[in-house]
Amino acid sequence: MSVLSVAELSRGGLNGVMTEFQEKLRQQHEKSMHKELEKLLSTAKGVEAEISRKDFEEFKQLFHRFLQVKGPSVEWPKINRPPEDSIQPYERIRAKTLPQGVAASLNKLAVVKLNGGLGTSMGCKGPKSLISVRNENTFLDLTVQQIEHLNKTYNADVPLVLMNSFNTDEDTKKILQKYTHHRVKIHTFNQSRYPRINKESLLPVATNMGLTGENSEVWYPPGHGDIYASFYNSGLLDQLISEGKEYIFVSNIDNLGATVDLHILNHLMSQPADRRCEFVMEVTDKTRADVKGGTLIQYDNKLRLLEIAQVPKAHVDEFKSVTKFKIFNTNNLWISLPAIKRLHEQNAMDLEIIVNPKTLDGGLNVIQLETAVGAAIKSFDNALGINVPRSRFLPVKTTSDLLLVMSNLYSLDAGSLNMSEKREFPTTPHVKLGSSFTKVQDFLQRFESIPDMLELDHLTVSGDVTFGKQVTLKGTVIIIANHGDRIDIPAGAMLENKIVSGNLRILDH
């Protein structure tokens, strides 16, 4: 019996109709997958086996749904713009005066940071959250400082919850010991661990449950949509509810703009109990740099997150339009804890599957099935989008982003980065650093000190370029060292609306 390709499975066969033959093939794939998962479980022991069995139960459901998918999960003609009142401007939320009892609302909140990622894209080993981003403070340091400041200022008890992955858990827990005297309770739980799937056979690549050596790359953490199941399975969801927590504020740990906003919290808590928003997604205005970001649409009378992976190929350019789809998801989310519990127990969260293709070191093509946390918005009652200022979206994905947050564009106050009042326009400069700057270690060696960027609009740097101390960049600056050439920007230089190319090298004598 031949094996259906992923493409055929995803479109329900060549003619789009599920035949009896295809249905038998699907059942065979599912049966074979379950058999292989049981083999893998037989190699685990004790607590690990118990945790993995829970993970695999969720994975089986995901795999089952993957085999049923018949193409893009949206029908383009059914997409509508969300009703005006479903995406509110932040200014309207902020206009409400904060009540004196705001601390009481804070005591019903927990902050969850998605901490599953590694710093490999920036040339670092270990959890990304442990990279120094400002004054030797890491992402995690800044997060702890923010919450500690909040708790001290309002005499509140907001805990920090870290969703780790098997990649980040051990290193993160070692570091947490340094915060024992801070006024922040810190909890952790782990994302699930799923097996990568051979693209041809649709079976796991892993042969045992081990995580060492080459075996580590045959497993993956399945995207942040896994938060609902893993949070529930960890027991932490019930624990927080028993402690009187009603909402979580969820964000990526590398988004330095994602701080607790008292106005949004007050908006949530001030609603009558029967009309409470169970899910709030912070969105912000799209720029050309954000064209791939997910957006909110109205679909089947529900507010729904539309990701680029769900868009039919013929409409991708339309999706990227900044005029038709004007906002994108920051992944800053406010979610009701009792609602998560209810929906998980009813198995009522139908998250769209993201099929992520990968190639392993040996050249083997695999797929991993993922989900996005924001995709659950359609399952919650009274869901709402809030169009927040761009300052609440300050992710550090590359060293270009790192240069911005390390510069004098921002000041650091109790763990929060604030745009300098000396900056005349609220937008951040567009920075593009070349491949010589990709790794953090190389990046730091190329700057004797971070340039003054207060009046910078655009910076492009390519090739072998270094910066001396106290360099000032203004307007549009483009520095291109051709192959084999080197450009050293001398200490104290001021570049304003300049293109520098060729070979510029100032040597001491």
Protein backbone atom coordinates (compact mmCIF):
# COMPACT_ATOMS: atom_id res chain seq x y z
CA MET A 1 0.00 0.00 0.00
CA SER A 2 1.48 3.37 -0.98
CA VAL A 3 1.92 6.21 1.46
CA LEU A 4 0.05 9.47 0.90
CA SER A 5 2.29 12.52 0.77
CA VAL A 6 1.81 15.37 3.25
CA ALA A 7 0.51 17.55 0.39
CA GLU A 8 -2.14 14.99 -0.57
CA LEU A 9 -3.15 14.46 3.03
CA SER A 10 -3.50 18.18 3.60
CA ARG A 11 -5.83 18.65 0.66
CA GLY A 12 -7.83 15.45 1.10
CA GLY A 13 -6.47 13.77 -2.03
CA LEU A 14 -6.12 15.05 -5.59
CA ASN A 15 -9.84 15.56 -6.18
CA GLY A 16 -10.59 17.06 -2.75
CA VAL A 17 -12.97 14.21 -1.88
CA MET A 18 -12.09 11.80 0.89
CA THR A 19 -12.35 8.36 -0.65
CA GLU A 20 -12.68 5.12 1.23
CA PHE A 21 -9.11 4.26 0.18
CA GLN A 22 -7.78 7.53 1.60
CA GLU A 23 -9.72 7.02 4.82
CA LYS A 24 -8.12 3.58 5.25
CA LEU A 25 -4.70 5.10 4.65
CA ARG A 26 -5.37 7.76 7.29
CA GLN A 27 -6.45 5.12 9.80
CA GLN A 28 -3.32 3.12 8.98
CA HIS A 29 -1.10 6.19 9.54
CA GLU A 30 -2.81 6.85 12.85
CA LYS A 31 -2.53 3.24 13.98
CA SER A 32 1.17 3.14 13.02
CA MET A 33 1.82 6.40 14.85
CA HIS A 34 0.14 5.14 18.04
CA LYS A 35 2.17 1.93 17.88
CA GLU A 36 5.44 3.89 17.55
CA LEU A 37 4.50 6.20 20.43
CA GLU A 38 3.90 3.19 22.68
CA LYS A 39 7.35 1.86 21.70
CA LEU A 40 8.90 5.20 22.66
CA LEU A 41 7.05 5.25 25.99
CA SER A 42 8.40 1.80 26.82
CA THR A 43 11.90 3.35 26.93
CA ALA A 44 10.89 5.94 29.58
CA LYS A 45 10.75 5.33 33.32
CA GLY A 46 8.95 6.69 36.36
CA VAL A 47 7.85 10.32 36.31
CA GLU A 48 9.25 10.88 32.82
CA ALA A 49 6.97 8.14 31.45
CA GLU A 50 3.95 9.65 33.21
CA ILE A 51 4.65 13.15 31.83
CA SER A 52 5.39 11.83 28.34
CA ARG A 53 2.15 9.83 28.27
CA LYS A 54 0.17 13.03 28.96
CA ASP A 55 2.15 14.83 26.24
CA PHE A 56 1.53 12.04 23.75
CA GLU A 57 -2.23 12.06 24.40
CA GLU A 58 -2.30 15.71 23.29
CA PHE A 59 0.03 14.89 20.37
CA LYS A 60 -2.30 12.09 19.21
CA GLN A 61 -5.20 14.55 19.00
CA LEU A 62 -3.04 17.01 17.05
CA PHE A 63 -1.86 14.29 14.65
CA HIS A 64 -5.44 13.06 14.17
CA ARG A 65 -6.57 16.57 13.25
CA PHE A 66 -3.56 17.02 10.96
CA LEU A 67 -4.60 13.92 8.99
CA GLN A 68 -8.12 15.37 8.58
CA VAL A 69 -7.05 18.79 7.28
CA LYS A 70 -8.36 19.45 3.77
CA GLY A 71 -6.47 22.61 2.85
CA PRO A 72 -6.23 26.22 4.10
CA SER A 73 -8.28 26.52 7.28
CA VAL A 74 -10.09 29.65 6.09
CA GLU A 75 -12.32 30.29 3.11
CA TRP A 76 -11.18 33.68 1.82
CA PRO A 77 -14.64 35.01 0.79
CA LYS A 78 -15.90 34.45 4.38
CA ILE A 79 -13.32 36.83 5.89
CA ASN A 80 -14.75 40.10 7.19
CA ARG A 81 -13.31 43.10 8.98
CA PRO A 82 -13.93 42.87 12.73
CA PRO A 83 -16.77 45.07 14.05
CA GLU A 84 -15.50 48.43 15.33
CA ASP A 85 -16.30 47.73 18.98
CA SER A 86 -14.35 44.42 18.89
CA ILE A 87 -11.00 46.23 18.55
CA GLN A 88 -10.81 49.19 20.90
CA PRO A 89 -8.21 51.96 20.79
CA TYR A 90 -5.93 51.96 23.81
CA GLU A 91 -6.60 55.68 24.33
CA ARG A 92 -10.21 54.86 25.19
CA ILE A 93 -9.11 52.23 27.73
CA ARG A 94 -6.53 54.58 29.21
CA ALA A 95 -9.02 57.44 29.56
CA LYS A 96 -10.72 55.70 32.49
CA THR A 97 -9.41 56.84 35.88
CA LEU A 98 -7.74 54.05 37.82
CA PRO A 99 -9.63 53.20 41.01
CA GLN A 100 -7.95 53.37 44.41
CA GLY A 101 -8.39 49.63 44.75
CA VAL A 102 -6.13 48.78 41.82
CA ALA A 103 -3.95 46.63 44.11
CA ALA A 104 -6.94 44.35 44.66
CA SER A 105 -7.07 43.78 40.90
CA LEU A 106 -3.33 43.13 40.77
CA ASN A 107 -3.74 40.40 43.37
CA LYS A 108 -5.97 38.56 40.88
CA LEU A 109 -3.27 38.58 38.19
CA ALA A 110 -0.33 36.31 37.35
CA VAL A 111 2.29 37.12 34.69
CA VAL A 112 3.24 34.30 32.33
CA LYS A 113 6.34 34.56 30.16
CA LEU A 114 6.90 32.19 27.24
CA ASN A 115 10.45 30.99 27.92
CA GLY A 116 10.91 28.01 25.63
CA GLY A 117 13.31 29.51 23.08
CA LEU A 118 17.06 29.21 22.73
CA GLY A 119 19.42 32.00 21.68
CA THR A 120 20.81 30.02 18.73
CA SER A 121 19.69 32.54 16.07
CA MET A 122 21.90 35.12 17.81
CA GLY A 123 24.82 32.71 18.22
CA CYS A 124 24.22 32.01 21.93
CA LYS A 125 23.92 28.74 23.80
CA GLY A 126 21.18 28.12 26.34
CA PRO A 127 17.90 29.95 27.00
CA LYS A 128 17.41 33.19 25.11
CA SER A 129 16.06 34.76 28.31
CA LEU A 130 19.59 34.64 29.79
CA ILE A 131 21.17 36.89 27.12
CA SER A 132 22.31 40.27 28.49
CA VAL A 133 20.33 43.02 26.82
CA ARG A 134 20.88 46.15 28.89
CA ASN A 135 23.48 47.09 31.53
CA GLU A 136 24.30 43.37 31.95
CA ASN A 137 20.65 42.67 32.75
CA THR A 138 19.11 39.66 30.98
CA PHE A 139 15.51 39.40 29.71
CA LEU A 140 14.74 37.44 32.88
CA ASP A 141 16.42 40.01 35.15
CA LEU A 142 14.33 42.81 33.63
CA THR A 143 11.12 40.78 33.96
CA VAL A 144 11.77 40.07 37.66
CA GLN A 145 12.61 43.75 38.29
CA GLN A 146 9.36 44.89 36.64
CA ILE A 147 7.16 42.60 38.74
CA GLU A 148 9.08 43.29 41.93
CA HIS A 149 8.59 47.05 41.38
CA LEU A 150 4.87 46.46 40.79
CA ASN A 151 4.51 44.39 43.96
CA LYS A 152 6.41 46.93 46.10
CA THR A 153 4.60 49.98 44.67
CA TYR A 154 1.09 48.57 45.18
CA ASN A 155 1.79 46.16 48.05
CA ALA A 156 0.57 43.42 45.72
CA ASP A 157 1.36 39.76 45.16
CA VAL A 158 1.74 39.20 41.41
CA PRO A 159 3.60 35.92 40.74
CA LEU A 160 5.79 35.23 37.71
CA VAL A 161 5.19 32.00 35.81
CA LEU A 162 7.73 30.77 33.26
CA MET A 163 6.67 28.32 30.57
CA ASN A 164 9.96 26.53 29.87
CA SER A 165 10.73 23.89 27.28
CA PHE A 166 12.94 20.82 27.66
CA ASN A 167 15.61 23.01 26.01
CA THR A 168 15.49 25.78 28.62
CA ASP A 169 14.17 24.22 31.85
CA GLU A 170 17.39 23.06 33.50
CA ASP A 171 19.44 26.23 32.83
CA THR A 172 16.55 28.49 33.83
CA LYS A 173 15.97 26.71 37.15
CA LYS A 174 19.65 27.08 38.06
CA ILE A 175 19.46 30.85 37.51
CA LEU A 176 16.22 31.23 39.51
CA GLN A 177 18.15 30.70 42.75
CA LYS A 178 19.53 34.23 42.45
CA TYR A 179 16.00 35.70 42.85
CA THR A 180 15.15 34.02 46.16
CA HIS A 181 15.32 37.32 48.06
CA HIS A 182 13.27 39.28 45.51
CA ARG A 183 9.66 40.12 46.21
CA VAL A 184 8.37 37.86 43.43
CA LYS A 185 7.06 34.30 43.65
CA ILE A 186 8.35 32.40 40.62
CA HIS A 187 6.68 29.25 39.30
CA THR A 188 7.73 27.16 36.31
CA PHE A 189 6.08 24.52 34.19
CA ASN A 190 7.21 22.75 31.05
CA GLN A 191 5.83 22.76 27.54
CA SER A 192 5.08 19.37 26.08
CA ARG A 193 7.73 17.40 24.24
CA TYR A 194 6.59 16.09 20.84
CA PRO A 195 8.40 13.85 18.33
CA ARG A 196 9.42 15.28 14.97
CA ILE A 197 7.75 13.38 12.13
CA ASN A 198 9.48 11.92 9.08
CA LYS A 199 7.89 13.81 6.15
CA GLU A 200 7.69 10.69 3.95
CA SER A 201 6.63 7.95 6.36
CA LEU A 202 4.67 10.20 8.77
CA LEU A 203 6.23 8.32 11.71
CA PRO A 204 8.40 9.64 14.58
CA VAL A 205 12.14 9.92 13.87
CA ALA A 206 12.98 9.21 17.53
CA THR A 207 13.82 5.66 18.57
CA ASN A 208 13.87 6.29 22.35
CA MET A 209 12.90 8.98 24.88
CA GLY A 210 16.49 10.14 25.44
CA LEU A 211 17.41 13.81 24.98
CA THR A 212 21.19 13.59 24.74
CA GLY A 213 23.41 13.99 21.67
CA GLU A 214 21.85 13.57 18.23
CA ASN A 215 18.61 12.36 19.77
CA SER A 216 17.86 15.84 21.09
CA GLU A 217 17.04 17.18 17.61
CA VAL A 218 14.31 14.60 16.97
CA TRP A 219 12.13 16.25 19.63
CA TYR A 220 10.57 19.72 19.67
CA PRO A 221 8.46 21.98 21.90
CA PRO A 222 5.18 22.38 19.96
CA GLY A 223 4.69 26.15 19.77
CA HIS A 224 3.16 28.39 22.42
CA GLY A 225 -0.39 27.19 21.71
CA ASP A 226 0.60 24.25 23.90
CA ILE A 227 0.31 26.56 26.94
CA TYR A 228 -3.31 25.59 27.59
CA ALA A 229 -2.75 21.84 27.87
CA SER A 230 0.64 21.94 29.58
CA PHE A 231 -0.45 24.64 32.07
CA TYR A 232 -3.51 22.55 32.97
CA ASN A 233 -1.58 19.26 33.15
CA SER A 234 1.10 20.79 35.42
CA GLY A 235 -1.49 21.47 38.15
CA LEU A 236 -0.38 25.12 38.27
CA LEU A 237 -3.60 26.37 36.66
CA ASP A 238 -5.69 24.92 39.49
CA GLN A 239 -3.19 26.16 42.08
CA LEU A 240 -3.40 29.77 40.86
CA ILE A 241 -7.21 29.64 40.73
CA SER A 242 -7.25 28.34 44.33
CA GLU A 243 -5.04 31.33 45.28
CA GLY A 244 -7.64 33.73 43.90
CA LYS A 245 -5.99 34.51 40.56
CA GLU A 246 -8.46 35.27 37.77
CA TYR A 247 -6.33 36.40 34.83
CA ILE A 248 -2.92 35.76 33.34
CA PHE A 249 -0.97 38.27 31.26
CA VAL A 250 0.95 36.22 28.69
CA SER A 251 3.80 37.47 26.51
CA ASN A 252 7.07 36.42 24.89
CA ILE A 253 9.99 36.90 27.28
CA ASP A 254 12.00 38.63 24.53
CA ASN A 255 9.35 41.36 24.09
CA LEU A 256 10.73 44.11 26.32
CA GLY A 257 7.62 46.26 25.78
CA ALA A 258 5.27 43.68 27.32
CA THR A 259 4.84 45.06 30.85
CA VAL A 260 1.76 44.83 33.08
CA ASP A 261 -0.61 47.63 32.06
CA LEU A 262 -2.91 48.74 34.88
CA HIS A 263 -5.41 50.37 32.51
CA ILE A 264 -6.00 47.15 30.57
CA LEU A 265 -6.24 45.18 33.81
CA ASN A 266 -8.72 47.70 35.21
CA HIS A 267 -10.81 47.45 32.03
CA LEU A 268 -11.01 43.68 32.49
CA MET A 269 -11.81 43.73 36.19
CA SER A 270 -14.35 46.58 36.05
CA GLN A 271 -16.75 44.73 33.72
CA PRO A 272 -19.84 43.03 35.22
CA ALA A 273 -19.07 39.37 35.95
CA ASP A 274 -21.42 38.08 33.21
CA ARG A 275 -19.89 40.36 30.54
CA ARG A 276 -16.22 39.93 31.40
CA CYS A 277 -13.76 39.60 28.53
CA GLU A 278 -12.24 36.14 28.74
CA PHE A 279 -9.53 36.94 26.21
CA VAL A 280 -7.84 40.20 25.22
CA MET A 281 -5.28 40.38 22.42
CA GLU A 282 -3.06 43.43 22.19
CA VAL A 283 -2.61 44.44 18.55
CA THR A 284 -0.70 47.36 17.09
CA ASP A 285 -0.54 49.15 13.75
CA LYS A 286 1.24 47.20 11.05
CA THR A 287 4.30 48.60 9.28
CA ARG A 288 6.13 47.13 6.29
CA ALA A 289 8.37 45.28 8.77
CA ASP A 290 5.35 43.41 10.17
CA VAL A 291 3.63 42.18 7.01
CA LYS A 292 3.90 38.52 8.03
CA GLY A 293 2.37 39.07 11.48
CA GLY A 294 -1.00 37.50 12.33
CA THR A 295 -4.05 39.76 12.22
CA LEU A 296 -7.59 39.78 13.62
CA ILE A 297 -10.57 39.05 11.38
CA GLN A 298 -14.28 38.37 11.81
CA TYR A 299 -15.06 34.81 10.70
CA ASP A 300 -18.23 32.82 11.34
CA ASN A 301 -19.36 35.62 13.69
CA LYS A 302 -16.27 35.18 15.86
CA LEU A 303 -13.14 37.24 16.35
CA ARG A 304 -10.34 35.11 14.98
CA LEU A 305 -6.57 35.24 14.52
CA LEU A 306 -5.45 34.82 10.91
CA GLU A 307 -1.83 33.71 10.46
CA ILE A 308 0.05 33.80 7.15
CA ALA A 309 0.34 29.98 7.23
CA GLN A 310 -3.48 29.74 6.97
CA VAL A 311 -3.76 32.03 3.96
CA PRO A 312 -4.37 30.47 0.51
CA LYS A 313 -1.33 31.16 -1.71
CA ALA A 314 -3.37 33.28 -4.13
CA HIS A 315 -4.14 35.76 -1.31
CA VAL A 316 -0.75 36.05 0.45
CA ASP A 317 0.02 39.46 -1.11
CA GLU A 318 -3.40 40.69 -0.05
CA PHE A 319 -2.73 39.45 3.49
CA LYS A 320 0.56 41.38 3.56
CA SER A 321 -1.15 44.62 2.56
CA VAL A 322 -0.86 47.31 5.23
CA THR A 323 -4.00 49.00 3.90
CA LYS A 324 -6.40 46.03 4.05
CA PHE A 325 -5.01 44.39 7.22
CA LYS A 326 -3.83 47.33 9.31
CA ILE A 327 -3.01 45.64 12.61
CA PHE A 328 -1.03 42.63 13.80
CA ASN A 329 -0.88 40.48 16.93
CA THR A 330 1.82 41.44 19.46
CA ASN A 331 1.28 38.15 21.35
CA ASN A 332 0.56 40.14 24.52
CA LEU A 333 -2.55 38.37 25.80
CA TRP A 334 -4.83 38.68 28.84
CA ILE A 335 -6.69 35.43 29.47
CA SER A 336 -9.22 34.28 32.06
CA LEU A 337 -7.96 31.33 34.14
CA PRO A 338 -11.42 29.84 34.85
CA ALA A 339 -12.17 30.06 31.10
CA ILE A 340 -8.96 28.15 30.24
CA LYS A 341 -9.97 25.45 32.73
CA ARG A 342 -13.52 25.23 31.34
CA LEU A 343 -12.49 25.08 27.68
CA HIS A 344 -9.70 22.57 28.27
CA GLU A 345 -11.97 20.23 30.23
CA GLN A 346 -14.61 20.48 27.49
CA ASN A 347 -11.94 19.86 24.83
CA ALA A 348 -13.34 22.98 23.18
CA MET A 349 -10.18 24.72 21.96
CA ASP A 350 -9.78 24.00 18.28
CA LEU A 351 -6.40 25.60 17.45
CA GLU A 352 -5.36 25.73 13.81
CA ILE A 353 -2.38 23.49 13.09
CA ILE A 354 0.83 25.06 11.80
CA VAL A 355 2.89 22.54 9.81
CA ASN A 356 6.53 23.59 10.22
CA PRO A 357 8.97 21.84 7.86
CA LYS A 358 12.56 21.32 9.05
CA THR A 359 15.69 19.58 7.74
CA LEU A 360 17.76 17.71 10.31
CA ASP A 361 21.58 17.73 10.29
CA GLY A 362 21.75 14.50 8.29
CA GLY A 363 19.53 15.98 5.57
CA LEU A 364 16.32 14.21 6.66
CA ASN A 365 13.15 16.20 5.95
CA VAL A 366 10.79 16.30 8.91
CA ILE A 367 7.68 18.19 9.94
CA GLN A 368 6.61 19.44 13.33
CA LEU A 369 3.00 20.19 14.21
CA GLU A 370 2.55 23.42 16.16
CA THR A 371 -0.20 25.72 17.39
CA ALA A 372 -0.27 29.41 18.34
CA VAL A 373 -1.55 30.67 21.71
CA GLY A 374 -3.50 33.53 20.08
CA ALA A 375 -5.45 31.15 17.84
CA ALA A 376 -7.64 30.25 20.83
CA ILE A 377 -9.28 33.70 20.77
CA LYS A 378 -12.28 32.34 18.83
CA SER A 379 -13.06 29.87 21.64
CA PHE A 380 -13.42 32.44 24.44
CA ASP A 381 -16.46 34.57 25.31
CA ASN A 382 -16.47 38.35 24.84
CA ALA A 383 -13.03 38.33 23.21
CA LEU A 384 -11.54 41.75 22.51
CA GLY A 385 -8.65 43.32 20.64
CA ILE A 386 -6.98 46.45 22.02
CA ASN A 387 -4.93 48.57 19.60
CA VAL A 388 -1.95 49.50 21.78
CA PRO A 389 0.97 51.86 21.09
CA ARG A 390 3.96 50.40 19.28
CA SER A 391 5.99 50.83 22.48
CA ARG A 392 4.29 47.69 23.87
CA PHE A 393 5.90 45.65 21.09
CA LEU A 394 9.69 45.71 21.48
CA PRO A 395 10.93 42.23 20.61
CA VAL A 396 14.63 41.36 20.42
CA LYS A 397 14.90 38.71 17.71
CA THR A 398 18.20 39.84 16.16
CA THR A 399 21.30 41.86 17.00
CA SER A 400 19.72 44.72 14.98
CA ASP A 401 16.96 44.79 17.63
CA LEU A 402 19.59 44.44 20.36
CA LEU A 403 21.42 47.55 19.12
CA LEU A 404 18.21 49.58 19.53
CA VAL A 405 17.50 48.51 23.12
CA MET A 406 21.14 48.94 24.20
CA SER A 407 21.27 52.49 22.83
CA ASN A 408 20.36 55.89 24.30
CA LEU A 409 17.00 55.67 22.51
CA TYR A 410 15.79 54.02 25.73
CA SER A 411 16.20 54.61 29.44
CA LEU A 412 15.86 51.82 31.99
CA ASP A 413 13.49 52.32 34.92
CA ALA A 414 12.66 49.48 37.33
CA GLY A 415 13.16 46.87 34.62
CA SER A 416 11.11 48.76 32.00
CA LEU A 417 12.57 50.36 28.89
CA ASN A 418 11.09 53.75 28.03
CA MET A 419 11.72 55.75 24.86
CA SER A 420 13.93 58.76 25.64
CA GLU A 421 12.09 62.07 25.89
CA LYS A 422 14.89 63.55 23.77
CA ARG A 423 13.75 61.45 20.79
CA GLU A 424 11.63 63.79 18.68
CA PHE A 425 9.54 61.11 16.94
CA PRO A 426 7.90 58.10 18.56
CA THR A 427 8.95 55.59 15.89
CA THR A 428 12.10 53.54 16.32
CA PRO A 429 14.84 53.70 13.65
CA HIS A 430 14.99 50.94 11.05
CA VAL A 431 18.27 49.05 11.62
CA LYS A 432 19.71 46.37 9.33
CA LEU A 433 23.05 44.90 10.41
CA GLY A 434 24.84 42.50 8.05
CA SER A 435 25.99 38.93 8.62
CA SER A 436 29.21 40.06 10.38
CA PHE A 437 27.00 41.22 13.26
CA THR A 438 24.63 38.22 13.52
CA LYS A 439 26.21 36.61 16.60
CA VAL A 440 26.07 38.56 19.86
CA GLN A 441 29.77 37.99 20.54
CA ASP A 442 30.78 39.37 17.10
CA PHE A 443 28.29 42.24 17.45
CA LEU A 444 29.77 43.37 20.78
CA GLN A 445 33.33 43.24 19.44
CA ARG A 446 32.40 45.60 16.59
CA PHE A 447 31.22 48.42 18.89
CA GLU A 448 33.67 50.04 21.31
CA SER A 449 30.57 51.76 22.63
CA ILE A 450 26.97 51.87 21.39
CA PRO A 451 26.48 54.91 19.10
CA ASP A 452 24.23 57.88 19.90
CA MET A 453 21.07 57.09 17.90
CA LEU A 454 18.61 59.69 19.19
CA GLU A 455 18.24 61.33 15.78
CA LEU A 456 18.65 58.22 13.62
CA ASP A 457 15.99 57.19 11.09
CA HIS A 458 17.66 54.36 9.21
CA LEU A 459 20.91 52.42 9.54
CA THR A 460 22.24 49.77 7.16
CA VAL A 461 25.64 48.19 7.83
CA SER A 462 27.17 45.52 5.59
CA GLY A 463 30.59 43.86 5.59
CA ASP A 464 33.62 44.23 7.85
CA VAL A 465 32.74 47.40 9.78
CA THR A 466 33.73 48.52 13.30
CA PHE A 467 32.63 51.51 15.39
CA GLY A 468 34.88 53.50 17.72
CA LYS A 469 33.74 55.16 20.94
CA GLN A 470 31.15 57.95 21.05
CA VAL A 471 30.01 57.75 17.42
CA THR A 472 26.83 59.70 16.57
CA LEU A 473 24.42 58.54 13.85
CA LYS A 474 21.70 60.85 12.47
CA GLY A 475 19.15 60.63 9.67
CA THR A 476 19.87 57.87 7.14
CA VAL A 477 23.28 56.22 7.40
CA ILE A 478 24.45 53.46 5.07
CA ILE A 479 27.87 51.85 5.60
CA ILE A 480 28.97 49.20 3.12
CA ALA A 481 32.41 47.57 3.17
CA ASN A 482 32.99 45.64 -0.03
CA HIS A 483 34.36 42.10 0.10
CA GLY A 484 37.97 42.24 1.27
CA ASP A 485 37.65 45.84 2.47
CA ARG A 486 37.28 47.07 6.02
CA ILE A 487 35.69 50.22 7.36
CA ASP A 488 36.56 51.55 10.83
CA ILE A 489 34.31 54.40 11.93
CA PRO A 490 36.68 56.52 14.11
CA ALA A 491 35.94 57.51 17.70
CA GLY A 492 33.87 60.67 18.00
CA ALA A 493 32.68 60.55 14.38
CA MET A 494 29.32 62.11 13.51
CA LEU A 495 27.58 60.62 10.46
CA GLU A 496 24.43 62.40 9.27
CA ASN A 497 22.67 61.33 6.05
CA LYS A 498 25.87 59.68 4.86
CA ILE A 499 26.75 56.75 2.62
CA VAL A 500 30.15 55.28 3.50
CA SER A 501 31.59 52.64 1.18
CA GLY A 502 34.87 51.19 0.00
CA ASN A 503 37.79 51.01 2.40
CA LEU A 504 37.98 53.48 5.28
CA ARG A 505 40.49 52.61 7.96
CA ILE A 506 41.88 55.00 10.56
CA LEU A 507 44.96 53.63 12.26
CA ASP A 508 46.68 54.86 15.41
CA HIS A 509 50.37 55.81 14.95
